[in-house]
């Protein structure tokens, strides 16, 4: 049961990060950015979501254990 929860929550975080990256790239393109710039902004957004999720997991693990 615990393994399933970890796998599903990891998948959810990755999906949310991909959606944030896609939205960042689309907004950058609508703003007139070139494709490399839009890709860079998407990568930064993806990394930010993953970093926030890792930080939140670390904080929760520290508080709950």
N, C-alpha and C. Protein backbone atom coordinates (compact mmCIF):
# COMPACT_ATOMS: atom_id res chain seq x y z
N UNK A 1 0.82 -1.19 0.00
CA UNK A 1 0.00 0.00 0.00
C UNK A 1 0.86 1.25 0.00
N UNK A 2 1.91 1.27 0.83
CA UNK A 2 2.76 2.45 0.93
C UNK A 2 3.50 2.71 -0.37
N UNK A 3 3.97 1.65 -1.02
CA UNK A 3 4.68 1.81 -2.29
C UNK A 3 3.76 2.40 -3.34
N UNK A 4 2.51 1.95 -3.36
CA UNK A 4 1.56 2.47 -4.33
C UNK A 4 1.30 3.96 -4.12
N UNK A 5 1.22 4.39 -2.88
CA UNK A 5 1.00 5.80 -2.58
C UNK A 5 2.19 6.63 -3.02
N UNK A 6 3.38 6.14 -2.78
CA UNK A 6 4.59 6.86 -3.19
C UNK A 6 4.66 6.98 -4.71
N UNK A 7 4.39 5.90 -5.41
CA UNK A 7 4.44 5.91 -6.87
C UNK A 7 3.38 6.86 -7.43
N UNK A 8 2.17 6.79 -6.91
CA UNK A 8 1.11 7.67 -7.41
C UNK A 8 1.37 9.13 -7.11
N UNK A 9 1.89 9.43 -5.94
CA UNK A 9 2.19 10.82 -5.62
C UNK A 9 3.35 11.34 -6.46
N UNK A 10 4.33 10.50 -6.74
CA UNK A 10 5.43 10.90 -7.62
C UNK A 10 4.92 11.16 -9.02
N UNK A 11 4.05 10.31 -9.50
CA UNK A 11 3.47 10.52 -10.83
C UNK A 11 2.66 11.81 -10.88
N UNK A 12 1.93 12.10 -9.82
CA UNK A 12 1.16 13.34 -9.78
C UNK A 12 2.05 14.57 -9.80
N UNK A 13 3.14 14.53 -9.06
CA UNK A 13 4.07 15.66 -9.04
C UNK A 13 4.69 15.87 -10.42
N UNK A 14 5.05 14.79 -11.10
CA UNK A 14 5.64 14.90 -12.42
C UNK A 14 4.63 15.45 -13.42
N UNK A 15 3.39 15.02 -13.34
CA UNK A 15 2.36 15.54 -14.24
C UNK A 15 2.13 17.03 -14.00
N UNK A 16 2.08 17.43 -12.74
CA UNK A 16 1.90 18.85 -12.43
C UNK A 16 3.10 19.66 -12.93
N UNK A 17 4.30 19.13 -12.77
CA UNK A 17 5.49 19.82 -13.25
C UNK A 17 5.48 19.95 -14.78
N UNK A 18 5.06 18.91 -15.47
CA UNK A 18 4.97 18.98 -16.92
C UNK A 18 3.92 19.98 -17.38
N UNK A 19 2.79 20.03 -16.68
CA UNK A 19 1.76 21.01 -17.02
C UNK A 19 2.25 22.44 -16.79
N UNK A 20 2.97 22.66 -15.71
CA UNK A 20 3.52 23.99 -15.43
C UNK A 20 4.54 24.38 -16.50
N UNK A 21 5.35 23.42 -16.91
CA UNK A 21 6.34 23.70 -17.95
C UNK A 21 5.68 24.00 -19.29
N UNK A 22 4.64 23.25 -19.63
CA UNK A 22 3.93 23.51 -20.87
C UNK A 22 3.25 24.88 -20.87
N UNK A 23 2.67 25.23 -19.74
CA UNK A 23 2.04 26.56 -19.63
C UNK A 23 3.07 27.67 -19.72
N UNK A 24 4.22 27.47 -19.10
CA UNK A 24 5.28 28.49 -19.16
C UNK A 24 5.78 28.66 -20.58
N UNK A 25 5.95 27.56 -21.29
CA UNK A 25 6.40 27.65 -22.68
C UNK A 25 5.37 28.32 -23.56
N UNK A 26 4.10 27.99 -23.37
CA UNK A 26 3.04 28.59 -24.17
C UNK A 26 2.94 30.09 -23.91
N UNK A 27 3.01 30.47 -22.64
CA UNK A 27 2.95 31.89 -22.31
C UNK A 27 4.17 32.65 -22.86
N UNK A 28 5.33 32.00 -22.84
CA UNK A 28 6.52 32.64 -23.40
C UNK A 28 6.37 32.83 -24.90
N UNK A 29 5.82 31.83 -25.58
CA UNK A 29 5.62 31.96 -27.03
C UNK A 29 4.58 33.04 -27.35
N UNK A 30 3.52 33.12 -26.54
CA UNK A 30 2.52 34.16 -26.76
C UNK A 30 3.10 35.55 -26.53
N UNK A 31 4.12 35.62 -25.68
CA UNK A 31 4.77 36.89 -25.38
C UNK A 31 5.77 37.27 -26.47
N UNK A 32 6.02 36.37 -27.40
CA UNK A 32 6.92 36.68 -28.51
C UNK A 32 8.31 36.13 -28.35
N UNK A 33 8.52 35.24 -27.40
CA UNK A 33 9.85 34.67 -27.19
C UNK A 33 10.17 33.65 -28.28
N UNK A 34 11.44 33.45 -28.53
CA UNK A 34 11.86 32.44 -29.50
C UNK A 34 11.69 31.05 -28.89
N UNK A 35 11.80 30.03 -29.73
CA UNK A 35 11.64 28.66 -29.23
C UNK A 35 12.69 28.27 -28.18
N UNK A 36 13.97 28.62 -28.38
CA UNK A 36 14.94 28.28 -27.32
C UNK A 36 14.65 28.98 -25.99
N UNK A 37 14.20 30.23 -26.06
CA UNK A 37 13.86 30.96 -24.84
C UNK A 37 12.65 30.33 -24.16
N UNK A 38 11.65 29.96 -24.95
CA UNK A 38 10.46 29.32 -24.39
C UNK A 38 10.81 27.98 -23.75
N UNK A 39 11.71 27.25 -24.39
CA UNK A 39 12.14 25.96 -23.83
C UNK A 39 12.91 26.16 -22.53
N UNK A 40 13.72 27.21 -22.48
CA UNK A 40 14.45 27.51 -21.25
C UNK A 40 13.50 27.87 -20.12
N UNK A 41 12.49 28.67 -20.42
CA UNK A 41 11.52 29.03 -19.39
C UNK A 41 10.73 27.81 -18.94
N UNK A 42 10.43 26.91 -19.86
CA UNK A 42 9.73 25.69 -19.49
C UNK A 42 10.59 24.82 -18.58
N UNK A 43 11.88 24.73 -18.89
CA UNK A 43 12.79 23.94 -18.06
C UNK A 43 12.92 24.53 -16.65
N UNK A 44 12.97 25.85 -16.58
CA UNK A 44 13.06 26.50 -15.27
C UNK A 44 11.79 26.24 -14.46
N UNK A 45 10.63 26.33 -15.10
CA UNK A 45 9.37 26.06 -14.41
C UNK A 45 9.29 24.61 -13.94
N UNK A 46 9.72 23.68 -14.78
CA UNK A 46 9.72 22.27 -14.40
C UNK A 46 10.63 22.04 -13.20
N UNK A 47 11.83 22.59 -13.25
CA UNK A 47 12.78 22.42 -12.15
C UNK A 47 12.26 23.07 -10.87
N UNK A 48 11.57 24.19 -11.00
CA UNK A 48 11.04 24.87 -9.81
C UNK A 48 9.97 24.02 -9.14
N UNK A 49 9.09 23.42 -9.91
CA UNK A 49 8.03 22.59 -9.32
C UNK A 49 8.63 21.36 -8.65
N UNK A 50 9.61 20.73 -9.29
CA UNK A 50 10.25 19.56 -8.70
C UNK A 50 10.98 19.94 -7.41
N UNK A 51 11.64 21.10 -7.42
CA UNK A 51 12.36 21.56 -6.23
C UNK A 51 11.41 21.86 -5.09
N UNK A 52 10.31 22.52 -5.38
CA UNK A 52 9.32 22.82 -4.34
C UNK A 52 8.73 21.54 -3.77
N UNK A 53 8.45 20.57 -4.62
CA UNK A 53 7.91 19.29 -4.14
C UNK A 53 8.93 18.56 -3.27
N UNK A 54 10.20 18.59 -3.65
CA UNK A 54 11.23 17.93 -2.84
C UNK A 54 11.40 18.63 -1.50
N UNK A 55 11.35 19.95 -1.51
CA UNK A 55 11.48 20.71 -0.26
C UNK A 55 10.30 20.43 0.67
N UNK A 56 9.10 20.44 0.11
CA UNK A 56 7.91 20.17 0.92
C UNK A 56 7.96 18.75 1.49
N UNK A 57 8.41 17.80 0.70
CA UNK A 57 8.54 16.42 1.18
C UNK A 57 9.55 16.33 2.32
N UNK A 58 10.65 17.04 2.18
CA UNK A 58 11.66 17.04 3.24
C UNK A 58 11.12 17.65 4.53
N UNK A 59 10.40 18.74 4.41
CA UNK A 59 9.83 19.40 5.59
C UNK A 59 8.80 18.49 6.26
N UNK A 60 7.91 17.88 5.47
CA UNK A 60 6.91 17.01 6.03
C UNK A 60 7.54 15.78 6.67
N UNK A 61 8.58 15.24 6.05
CA UNK A 61 9.24 14.07 6.63
C UNK A 61 9.90 14.43 7.96
N UNK A 62 10.45 15.63 8.04
CA UNK A 62 11.08 16.06 9.28
C UNK A 62 10.03 16.26 10.38
N UNK A 63 8.90 16.82 10.03
CA UNK A 63 7.87 17.09 11.02
C UNK A 63 7.13 15.84 11.48
N UNK A 64 6.94 14.90 10.57
CA UNK A 64 6.11 13.74 10.90
C UNK A 64 6.90 12.57 11.49
N UNK A 65 8.20 12.59 11.34
CA UNK A 65 8.99 11.44 11.85
C UNK A 65 9.65 11.81 13.14
